[in-house]
Amino acid sequence: MSTTTIRLPEELKARIAEAAKRAGTTAHNFILEAIAEKASLEERRADFDTEAEQRYARIVESGKTVPWDQMRGYLEDRLAGKAARRPVARKLAR
């Protein structure tokens, strides 16, 4: 495991120490978990952006979409436990 030095303002260092104490862990472990959580969040955000770009590329390629009012009705019916017919994608109106 490598070592990295970070400079923390005294106020932040005190907040971390107190939060770590409440969490029943060390300040070192608290900081490691916070960094891992932040890295995971950024990875999920990048995955989300990639998925959105891929979906948009498919829309542009096919020219087909499902109108929001139809998709919303479908999703609301599904959430309510009702039988719902999946909306069919159609060409964008120009």
PDB file of N, CA and C in Angstrom:
ATOM      1  N   MET A   1       0.852  -1.172   0.000  1.00  0.00           N
ATOM      2  CA  MET A   1       0.000   0.000   0.000  1.00  0.00           C
ATOM      3  C   MET A   1       0.893   1.228   0.000  1.00  0.00           C
ATOM      4  N   SER A   2       0.576   2.180  -0.876  1.00  0.00           N
ATOM      5  CA  SER A   2       1.382   3.393  -0.947  1.00  0.00           C
ATOM      6  C   SER A   2       0.897   4.420   0.064  1.00  0.00           C
ATOM      7  N   THR A   3       1.706   5.421   0.276  1.00  0.00           N
ATOM      8  CA  THR A   3       1.388   6.490   1.215  1.00  0.00           C
ATOM      9  C   THR A   3       1.200   7.785   0.466  1.00  0.00           C
ATOM     10  N   THR A   4       0.153   8.514   0.818  1.00  0.00           N
ATOM     11  CA  THR A   4      -0.107   9.829   0.249  1.00  0.00           C
ATOM     12  C   THR A   4      -0.308  10.789   1.402  1.00  0.00           C
ATOM     13  N   THR A   5       0.290  11.959   1.294  1.00  0.00           N
ATOM     14  CA  THR A   5       0.139  12.972   2.334  1.00  0.00           C
ATOM     15  C   THR A   5      -0.837  14.027   1.848  1.00  0.00           C
ATOM     16  N   ILE A   6      -1.785  14.356   2.707  1.00  0.00           N
ATOM     17  CA  ILE A   6      -2.705  15.452   2.387  1.00  0.00           C
ATOM     18  C   ILE A   6      -2.673  16.452   3.530  1.00  0.00           C
ATOM     19  N   ARG A   7      -2.839  17.695   3.188  1.00  0.00           N
ATOM     20  CA  ARG A   7      -2.877  18.744   4.196  1.00  0.00           C
ATOM     21  C   ARG A   7      -4.348  19.070   4.464  1.00  0.00           C
ATOM     22  N   LEU A   8      -4.719  18.962   5.721  1.00  0.00           N
ATOM     23  CA  LEU A   8      -6.093  19.241   6.117  1.00  0.00           C
ATOM     24  C   LEU A   8      -6.129  20.484   6.987  1.00  0.00           C
ATOM     25  N   PRO A   9      -7.069  21.374   6.728  1.00  0.00           N
ATOM     26  CA  PRO A   9      -7.258  22.488   7.660  1.00  0.00           C
ATOM     27  C   PRO A   9      -7.642  21.921   9.029  1.00  0.00           C
ATOM     28  N   GLU A  10      -7.229  22.587  10.070  1.00  0.00           N
ATOM     29  CA  GLU A  10      -7.476  22.099  11.428  1.00  0.00           C
ATOM     30  C   GLU A  10      -8.958  21.849  11.681  1.00  0.00           C
ATOM     31  N   GLU A  11      -9.809  22.738  11.189  1.00  0.00           N
ATOM     32  CA  GLU A  11     -11.246  22.576  11.400  1.00  0.00           C
ATOM     33  C   GLU A  11     -11.749  21.276  10.764  1.00  0.00           C
ATOM     34  N   LEU A  12     -11.309  20.988   9.540  1.00  0.00           N
ATOM     35  CA  LEU A  12     -11.726  19.762   8.869  1.00  0.00           C
ATOM     36  C   LEU A  12     -11.163  18.537   9.587  1.00  0.00           C
ATOM     37  N   LYS A  13      -9.943  18.623  10.027  1.00  0.00           N
ATOM     38  CA  LYS A  13      -9.320  17.507  10.757  1.00  0.00           C
ATOM     39  C   LYS A  13     -10.122  17.194  12.022  1.00  0.00           C
ATOM     40  N   ALA A  14     -10.567  18.226  12.720  1.00  0.00           N
ATOM     41  CA  ALA A  14     -11.365  18.028  13.934  1.00  0.00           C
ATOM     42  C   ALA A  14     -12.723  17.422  13.590  1.00  0.00           C
ATOM     43  N   ARG A  15     -13.332  17.891  12.505  1.00  0.00           N
ATOM     44  CA  ARG A  15     -14.627  17.338  12.084  1.00  0.00           C
ATOM     45  C   ARG A  15     -14.491  15.858  11.728  1.00  0.00           C
ATOM     46  N   ILE A  16     -13.411  15.521  11.032  1.00  0.00           N
ATOM     47  CA  ILE A  16     -13.181  14.124  10.648  1.00  0.00           C
ATOM     48  C   ILE A  16     -12.991  13.268  11.892  1.00  0.00           C
ATOM     49  N   ALA A  17     -12.203  13.746  12.826  1.00  0.00           N
ATOM     50  CA  ALA A  17     -11.948  12.990  14.058  1.00  0.00           C
ATOM     51  C   ALA A  17     -13.253  12.737  14.803  1.00  0.00           C
ATOM     52  N   GLU A  18     -14.096  13.750  14.893  1.00  0.00           N
ATOM     53  CA  GLU A  18     -15.372  13.608  15.602  1.00  0.00           C
ATOM     54  C   GLU A  18     -16.310  12.662  14.855  1.00  0.00           C
ATOM     55  N   ALA A  19     -16.380  12.793  13.545  1.00  0.00           N
ATOM     56  CA  ALA A  19     -17.240  11.915  12.746  1.00  0.00           C
ATOM     57  C   ALA A  19     -16.756  10.466  12.820  1.00  0.00           C
ATOM     58  N   ALA A  20     -15.467  10.281  12.781  1.00  0.00           N
ATOM     59  CA  ALA A  20     -14.905   8.924  12.876  1.00  0.00           C
ATOM     60  C   ALA A  20     -15.220   8.308  14.235  1.00  0.00           C
ATOM     61  N   LYS A  21     -15.128   9.103  15.271  1.00  0.00           N
ATOM     62  CA  LYS A  21     -15.440   8.625  16.623  1.00  0.00           C
ATOM     63  C   LYS A  21     -16.902   8.180  16.697  1.00  0.00           C
ATOM     64  N   ARG A  22     -17.808   9.001  16.149  1.00  0.00           N
ATOM     65  CA  ARG A  22     -19.236   8.641  16.133  1.00  0.00           C
ATOM     66  C   ARG A  22     -19.470   7.367  15.327  1.00  0.00           C
ATOM     67  N   ALA A  23     -18.704   7.193  14.253  1.00  0.00           N
ATOM     68  CA  ALA A  23     -18.863   6.022  13.384  1.00  0.00           C
ATOM     69  C   ALA A  23     -18.161   4.794  13.951  1.00  0.00           C
ATOM     70  N   GLY A  24     -17.421   4.976  15.034  1.00  0.00           N
ATOM     71  CA  GLY A  24     -16.726   3.844  15.663  1.00  0.00           C
ATOM     72  C   GLY A  24     -15.532   3.356  14.860  1.00  0.00           C
ATOM     73  N   THR A  25     -14.831   4.277  14.220  1.00  0.00           N
ATOM     74  CA  THR A  25     -13.668   3.909  13.422  1.00  0.00           C
ATOM     75  C   THR A  25     -12.567   4.939  13.640  1.00  0.00           C
ATOM     76  N   THR A  26     -11.467   4.755  12.971  1.00  0.00           N
ATOM     77  CA  THR A  26     -10.359   5.707  13.082  1.00  0.00           C
ATOM     78  C   THR A  26     -10.519   6.798  12.035  1.00  0.00           C
ATOM     79  N   ALA A  27      -9.842   7.903  12.272  1.00  0.00           N
ATOM     80  CA  ALA A  27      -9.867   8.994  11.303  1.00  0.00           C
ATOM     81  C   ALA A  27      -9.276   8.517   9.974  1.00  0.00           C
ATOM     82  N   HIS A  28      -8.220   7.723  10.039  1.00  0.00           N
ATOM     83  CA  HIS A  28      -7.587   7.185   8.828  1.00  0.00           C
ATOM     84  C   HIS A  28      -8.595   6.358   8.020  1.00  0.00           C
ATOM     85  N   ASN A  29      -9.272   5.438   8.671  1.00  0.00           N
ATOM     86  CA  ASN A  29     -10.245   4.598   7.981  1.00  0.00           C
ATOM     87  C   ASN A  29     -11.419   5.422   7.469  1.00  0.00           C
ATOM     88  N   PHE A  30     -11.836   6.410   8.232  1.00  0.00           N
ATOM     89  CA  PHE A  30     -12.931   7.283   7.810  1.00  0.00           C
ATOM     90  C   PHE A  30     -12.564   8.007   6.518  1.00  0.00           C
ATOM     91  N   ILE A  31     -11.350   8.519   6.443  1.00  0.00           N
ATOM     92  CA  ILE A  31     -10.874   9.213   5.248  1.00  0.00           C
ATOM     93  C   ILE A  31     -10.790   8.248   4.072  1.00  0.00           C
ATOM     94  N   LEU A  32     -10.268   7.040   4.297  1.00  0.00           N
ATOM     95  CA  LEU A  32     -10.190   6.051   3.217  1.00  0.00           C
ATOM     96  C   LEU A  32     -11.577   5.711   2.679  1.00  0.00           C
ATOM     97  N   GLU A  33     -12.536   5.506   3.564  1.00  0.00           N
ATOM     98  CA  GLU A  33     -13.898   5.198   3.141  1.00  0.00           C
ATOM     99  C   GLU A  33     -14.512   6.361   2.364  1.00  0.00           C
ATOM    100  N   ALA A  34     -14.237   7.582   2.807  1.00  0.00           N
ATOM    101  CA  ALA A  34     -14.775   8.763   2.119  1.00  0.00           C
ATOM    102  C   ALA A  34     -14.201   8.873   0.708  1.00  0.00           C
ATOM    103  N   ILE A  35     -12.919   8.613   0.568  1.00  0.00           N
ATOM    104  CA  ILE A  35     -12.283   8.670  -0.750  1.00  0.00           C
ATOM    105  C   ILE A  35     -12.834   7.565  -1.645  1.00  0.00           C
ATOM    106  N   ALA A  36     -12.985   6.358  -1.109  1.00  0.00           N
ATOM    107  CA  ALA A  36     -13.527   5.243  -1.886  1.00  0.00           C
ATOM    108  C   ALA A  36     -14.969   5.539  -2.308  1.00  0.00           C
ATOM    109  N   GLU A  37     -15.740   6.121  -1.413  1.00  0.00           N
ATOM    110  CA  GLU A  37     -17.131   6.467  -1.721  1.00  0.00           C
ATOM    111  C   GLU A  37     -17.192   7.516  -2.831  1.00  0.00           C
ATOM    112  N   LYS A  38     -16.339   8.514  -2.763  1.00  0.00           N
ATOM    113  CA  LYS A  38     -16.302   9.566  -3.777  1.00  0.00           C
ATOM    114  C   LYS A  38     -15.871   8.991  -5.131  1.00  0.00           C
ATOM    115  N   ALA A  39     -14.874   8.109  -5.131  1.00  0.00           N
ATOM    116  CA  ALA A  39     -14.419   7.475  -6.375  1.00  0.00           C
ATOM    117  C   ALA A  39     -15.540   6.632  -6.973  1.00  0.00           C
ATOM    118  N   SER A  40     -16.247   5.888  -6.135  1.00  0.00           N
ATOM    119  CA  SER A  40     -17.362   5.062  -6.600  1.00  0.00           C
ATOM    120  C   SER A  40     -18.469   5.929  -7.197  1.00  0.00           C
ATOM    121  N   LEU A  41     -18.778   7.030  -6.559  1.00  0.00           N
ATOM    122  CA  LEU A  41     -19.792   7.952  -7.058  1.00  0.00           C
ATOM    123  C   LEU A  41     -19.410   8.463  -8.443  1.00  0.00           C
ATOM    124  N   GLU A  42     -18.158   8.845  -8.615  1.00  0.00           N
ATOM    125  CA  GLU A  42     -17.705   9.367  -9.901  1.00  0.00           C
ATOM    126  C   GLU A  42     -17.729   8.277 -10.969  1.00  0.00           C
ATOM    127  N   GLU A  43     -17.394   7.046 -10.597  1.00  0.00           N
ATOM    128  CA  GLU A  43     -17.460   5.933 -11.551  1.00  0.00           C
ATOM    129  C   GLU A  43     -18.905   5.692 -11.985  1.00  0.00           C
ATOM    130  N   ARG A  44     -19.834   5.721 -11.043  1.00  0.00           N
ATOM    131  CA  ARG A  44     -21.252   5.541 -11.388  1.00  0.00           C
ATOM    132  C   ARG A  44     -21.752   6.666 -12.289  1.00  0.00           C
ATOM    133  N   ARG A  45     -21.297   7.878 -12.010  1.00  0.00           N
ATOM    134  CA  ARG A  45     -21.683   9.022 -12.833  1.00  0.00           C
ATOM    135  C   ARG A  45     -21.149   8.855 -14.263  1.00  0.00           C
ATOM    136  N   ALA A  46     -19.921   8.400 -14.394  1.00  0.00           N
ATOM    137  CA  ALA A  46     -19.335   8.170 -15.717  1.00  0.00           C
ATOM    138  C   ALA A  46     -20.091   7.060 -16.445  1.00  0.00           C
ATOM    139  N   ASP A  47     -20.447   5.987 -15.725  1.00  0.00           N
ATOM    140  CA  ASP A  47     -21.233   4.900 -16.329  1.00  0.00           C
ATOM    141  C   ASP A  47     -22.590   5.414 -16.809  1.00  0.00           C
ATOM    142  N   PHE A  48     -23.218   6.260 -16.006  1.00  0.00           N
ATOM    143  CA  PHE A  48     -24.506   6.841 -16.364  1.00  0.00           C
ATOM    144  C   PHE A  48     -24.380   7.677 -17.636  1.00  0.00           C
ATOM    145  N   ASP A  49     -23.337   8.517 -17.682  1.00  0.00           N
ATOM    146  CA  ASP A  49     -23.120   9.353 -18.867  1.00  0.00           C
ATOM    147  C   ASP A  49     -22.871   8.507 -20.107  1.00  0.00           C
ATOM    148  N   THR A  50     -22.085   7.442 -19.966  1.00  0.00           N
ATOM    149  CA  THR A  50     -21.808   6.546 -21.092  1.00  0.00           C
ATOM    150  C   THR A  50     -23.093   5.897 -21.584  1.00  0.00           C
ATOM    151  N   GLU A  51     -23.903   5.414 -20.654  1.00  0.00           N
ATOM    152  CA  GLU A  51     -25.176   4.781 -21.023  1.00  0.00           C
ATOM    153  C   GLU A  51     -26.093   5.782 -21.726  1.00  0.00           C
ATOM    154  N   ALA A  52     -26.152   7.000 -21.230  1.00  0.00           N
ATOM    155  CA  ALA A  52     -26.991   8.027 -21.848  1.00  0.00           C
ATOM    156  C   ALA A  52     -26.519   8.325 -23.265  1.00  0.00           C
ATOM    157  N   GLU A  53     -25.219   8.433 -23.450  1.00  0.00           N
ATOM    158  CA  GLU A  53     -24.674   8.696 -24.783  1.00  0.00           C
ATOM    159  C   GLU A  53     -24.994   7.548 -25.740  1.00  0.00           C
ATOM    160  N   GLN A  54     -24.878   6.311 -25.263  1.00  0.00           N
ATOM    161  CA  GLN A  54     -25.181   5.148 -26.099  1.00  0.00           C
ATOM    162  C   GLN A  54     -26.663   5.132 -26.480  1.00  0.00           C
ATOM    163  N   ARG A  55     -27.519   5.433 -25.529  1.00  0.00           N
ATOM    164  CA  ARG A  55     -28.960   5.446 -25.815  1.00  0.00           C
ATOM    165  C   ARG A  55     -29.304   6.551 -26.810  1.00  0.00           C
ATOM    166  N   TYR A  56     -28.708   7.704 -26.624  1.00  0.00           N
ATOM    167  CA  TYR A  56     -28.976   8.798 -27.553  1.00  0.00           C
ATOM    168  C   TYR A  56     -28.484   8.439 -28.963  1.00  0.00           C
ATOM    169  N   ALA A  57     -27.330   7.795 -29.045  1.00  0.00           N
ATOM    170  CA  ALA A  57     -26.805   7.376 -30.352  1.00  0.00           C
ATOM    171  C   ALA A  57     -27.779   6.410 -31.032  1.00  0.00           C
ATOM    172  N   ARG A  58     -28.400   5.511 -30.244  1.00  0.00           N
ATOM    173  CA  ARG A  58     -29.389   4.584 -30.817  1.00  0.00           C
ATOM    174  C   ARG A  58     -30.629   5.339 -31.304  1.00  0.00           C
ATOM    175  N   ILE A  59     -31.033   6.369 -30.591  1.00  0.00           N
ATOM    176  CA  ILE A  59     -32.176   7.179 -31.019  1.00  0.00           C
ATOM    177  C   ILE A  59     -31.851   7.875 -32.335  1.00  0.00           C
ATOM    178  N   VAL A  60     -30.668   8.481 -32.403  1.00  0.00           N
ATOM    179  CA  VAL A  60     -30.264   9.175 -33.616  1.00  0.00           C
ATOM    180  C   VAL A  60     -30.172   8.194 -34.785  1.00  0.00           C
ATOM    181  N   GLU A  61     -29.608   7.018 -34.522  1.00  0.00           N
ATOM    182  CA  GLU A  61     -29.439   6.014 -35.578  1.00  0.00           C
ATOM    183  C   GLU A  61     -30.781   5.486 -36.088  1.00  0.00           C
ATOM    184  N   SER A  62     -31.670   5.176 -35.160  1.00  0.00           N
ATOM    185  CA  SER A  62     -32.952   4.576 -35.564  1.00  0.00           C
ATOM    186  C   SER A  62     -34.017   5.624 -35.870  1.00  0.00           C
ATOM    187  N   GLY A  63     -33.904   6.778 -35.236  1.00  0.00           N
ATOM    188  CA  GLY A  63     -34.917   7.806 -35.395  1.00  0.00           C
ATOM    189  C   GLY A  63     -36.189   7.506 -34.621  1.00  0.00           C
ATOM    190  N   LYS A  64     -36.153   6.490 -33.763  1.00  0.00           N
ATOM    191  CA  LYS A  64     -37.356   6.076 -33.033  1.00  0.00           C
ATOM    192  C   LYS A  64     -37.274   6.434 -31.552  1.00  0.00           C
ATOM    193  N   THR A  65     -38.429   6.846 -31.029  1.00  0.00           N
ATOM    194  CA  THR A  65     -38.543   7.148 -29.600  1.00  0.00           C
ATOM    195  C   THR A  65     -39.937   6.760 -29.115  1.00  0.00           C
ATOM    196  N   VAL A  66     -40.101   6.794 -27.802  1.00  0.00           N
ATOM    197  CA  VAL A  66     -41.417   6.592 -27.190  1.00  0.00           C
ATOM    198  C   VAL A  66     -41.788   7.923 -26.544  1.00  0.00           C
ATOM    199  N   PRO A  67     -42.956   8.492 -26.879  1.00  0.00           N
ATOM    200  CA  PRO A  67     -43.367   9.756 -26.259  1.00  0.00           C
ATOM    201  C   PRO A  67     -43.459   9.611 -24.732  1.00  0.00           C
ATOM    202  N   TRP A  68     -43.054  10.641 -24.028  1.00  0.00           N
ATOM    203  CA  TRP A  68     -43.001  10.593 -22.568  1.00  0.00           C
ATOM    204  C   TRP A  68     -44.365  10.285 -21.955  1.00  0.00           C
ATOM    205  N   ASP A  69     -45.437  10.856 -22.472  1.00  0.00           N
ATOM    206  CA  ASP A  69     -46.745  10.605 -21.861  1.00  0.00           C
ATOM    207  C   ASP A  69     -47.110   9.124 -21.938  1.00  0.00           C
ATOM    208  N   GLN A  70     -46.749   8.453 -23.016  1.00  0.00           N
ATOM    209  CA  GLN A  70     -47.014   7.014 -23.128  1.00  0.00           C
ATOM    210  C   GLN A  70     -46.124   6.212 -22.175  1.00  0.00           C
ATOM    211  N   MET A  71     -44.848   6.581 -22.101  1.00  0.00           N
ATOM    212  CA  MET A  71     -43.927   5.857 -21.209  1.00  0.00           C
ATOM    213  C   MET A  71     -44.321   6.075 -19.755  1.00  0.00           C
ATOM    214  N   ARG A  72     -44.695   7.297 -19.409  1.00  0.00           N
ATOM    215  CA  ARG A  72     -45.088   7.585 -18.027  1.00  0.00           C
ATOM    216  C   ARG A  72     -46.320   6.770 -17.636  1.00  0.00           C
ATOM    217  N   GLY A  73     -47.317   6.726 -18.523  1.00  0.00           N
ATOM    218  CA  GLY A  73     -48.513   5.928 -18.251  1.00  0.00           C
ATOM    219  C   GLY A  73     -48.175   4.457 -18.058  1.00  0.00           C
ATOM    220  N   TYR A  74     -47.300   3.954 -18.899  1.00  0.00           N
ATOM    221  CA  TYR A  74     -46.856   2.558 -18.798  1.00  0.00           C
ATOM    222  C   TYR A  74     -46.179   2.304 -17.456  1.00  0.00           C
ATOM    223  N   LEU A  75     -45.263   3.183 -17.074  1.00  0.00           N
ATOM    224  CA  LEU A  75     -44.545   3.013 -15.808  1.00  0.00           C
ATOM    225  C   LEU A  75     -45.481   3.131 -14.608  1.00  0.00           C
ATOM    226  N   GLU A  76     -46.407   4.072 -14.651  1.00  0.00           N
ATOM    227  CA  GLU A  76     -47.359   4.227 -13.548  1.00  0.00           C
ATOM    228  C   GLU A  76     -48.235   2.986 -13.404  1.00  0.00           C
ATOM    229  N   ASP A  77     -48.671   2.448 -14.537  1.00  0.00           N
ATOM    230  CA  ASP A  77     -49.472   1.213 -14.490  1.00  0.00           C
ATOM    231  C   ASP A  77     -48.662   0.066 -13.901  1.00  0.00           C
ATOM    232  N   ARG A  78     -47.417  -0.060 -14.307  1.00  0.00           N
ATOM    233  CA  ARG A  78     -46.562  -1.139 -13.790  1.00  0.00           C
ATOM    234  C   ARG A  78     -46.372  -1.004 -12.287  1.00  0.00           C
ATOM    235  N   LEU A  79     -46.132   0.223 -11.837  1.00  0.00           N
ATOM    236  CA  LEU A  79     -45.951   0.457 -10.401  1.00  0.00           C
ATOM    237  C   LEU A  79     -47.214   0.142  -9.614  1.00  0.00           C
ATOM    238  N   ALA A  80     -48.354   0.373 -10.233  1.00  0.00           N
ATOM    239  CA  ALA A  80     -49.635   0.113  -9.566  1.00  0.00           C
ATOM    240  C   ALA A  80     -50.019  -1.362  -9.641  1.00  0.00           C
ATOM    241  N   GLY A  81     -49.179  -2.179 -10.301  1.00  0.00           N
ATOM    242  CA  GLY A  81     -49.458  -3.613 -10.397  1.00  0.00           C
ATOM    243  C   GLY A  81     -50.470  -3.957 -11.469  1.00  0.00           C
ATOM    244  N   LYS A  82     -50.773  -3.010 -12.326  1.00  0.00           N
ATOM    245  CA  LYS A  82     -51.736  -3.250 -13.400  1.00  0.00           C
ATOM    246  C   LYS A  82     -51.038  -3.892 -14.599  1.00  0.00           C
ATOM    247  N   ALA A  83     -51.809  -4.619 -15.380  1.00  0.00           N
ATOM    248  CA  ALA A  83     -51.281  -5.149 -16.638  1.00  0.00           C
ATOM    249  C   ALA A  83     -51.052  -3.959 -17.562  1.00  0.00           C
ATOM    250  N   ALA A  84     -49.871  -3.878 -18.142  1.00  0.00           N
ATOM    251  CA  ALA A  84     -49.560  -2.728 -18.986  1.00  0.00           C
ATOM    252  C   ALA A  84     -48.915  -3.193 -20.281  1.00  0.00           C
ATOM    253  N   ARG A  85     -49.376  -2.634 -21.367  1.00  0.00           N
ATOM    254  CA  ARG A  85     -48.788  -2.936 -22.675  1.00  0.00           C
ATOM    255  C   ARG A  85     -47.609  -1.984 -22.886  1.00  0.00           C
ATOM    256  N   ARG A  86     -46.459  -2.575 -23.183  1.00  0.00           N
ATOM    257  CA  ARG A  86     -45.249  -1.780 -23.383  1.00  0.00           C
ATOM    258  C   ARG A  86     -45.409  -0.889 -24.622  1.00  0.00           C
ATOM    259  N   PRO A  87     -45.117   0.422 -24.499  1.00  0.00           N
ATOM    260  CA  PRO A  87     -45.248   1.319 -25.647  1.00  0.00           C
ATOM    261  C   PRO A  87     -44.271   0.922 -26.763  1.00  0.00           C
ATOM    262  N   VAL A  88     -44.678   1.172 -27.980  1.00  0.00           N
ATOM    263  CA  VAL A  88     -43.862   0.847 -29.135  1.00  0.00           C
ATOM    264  C   VAL A  88     -43.151   2.123 -29.609  1.00  0.00           C
ATOM    265  N   ALA A  89     -41.843   1.997 -29.838  1.00  0.00           N
ATOM    266  CA  ALA A  89     -41.079   3.138 -30.350  1.00  0.00           C
ATOM    267  C   ALA A  89     -41.535   3.453 -31.774  1.00  0.00           C
ATOM    268  N   ARG A  90     -41.535   4.750 -32.078  1.00  0.00           N
ATOM    269  CA  ARG A  90     -41.929   5.146 -33.425  1.00  0.00           C
ATOM    270  C   ARG A  90     -41.002   6.268 -33.887  1.00  0.00           C
ATOM    271  N   LYS A  91     -41.014   6.503 -35.176  1.00  0.00           N
ATOM    272  CA  LYS A  91     -40.163   7.538 -35.760  1.00  0.00           C
ATOM    273  C   LYS A  91     -40.505   8.897 -35.165  1.00  0.00           C
ATOM    274  N   LEU A  92     -39.465   9.693 -34.965  1.00  0.00           N
ATOM    275  CA  LEU A  92     -39.653  11.051 -34.480  1.00  0.00           C
ATOM    276  C   LEU A  92     -40.405  11.873 -35.512  1.00  0.00           C
ATOM    277  N   ALA A  93     -41.329  12.700 -35.055  1.00  0.00           N
ATOM    278  CA  ALA A  93     -42.026  13.616 -35.959  1.00  0.00           C
ATOM    279  C   ALA A  93     -41.086  14.777 -36.250  1.00  0.00           C
ATOM    280  N   ARG A  94     -41.016  15.172 -37.496  1.00  0.00           N
ATOM    281  CA  ARG A  94     -40.104  16.277 -37.846  1.00  0.00           C
ATOM    282  C   ARG A  94     -40.843  17.477 -38.307  1.00  0.00           C
TER     283      ARG A  94
END
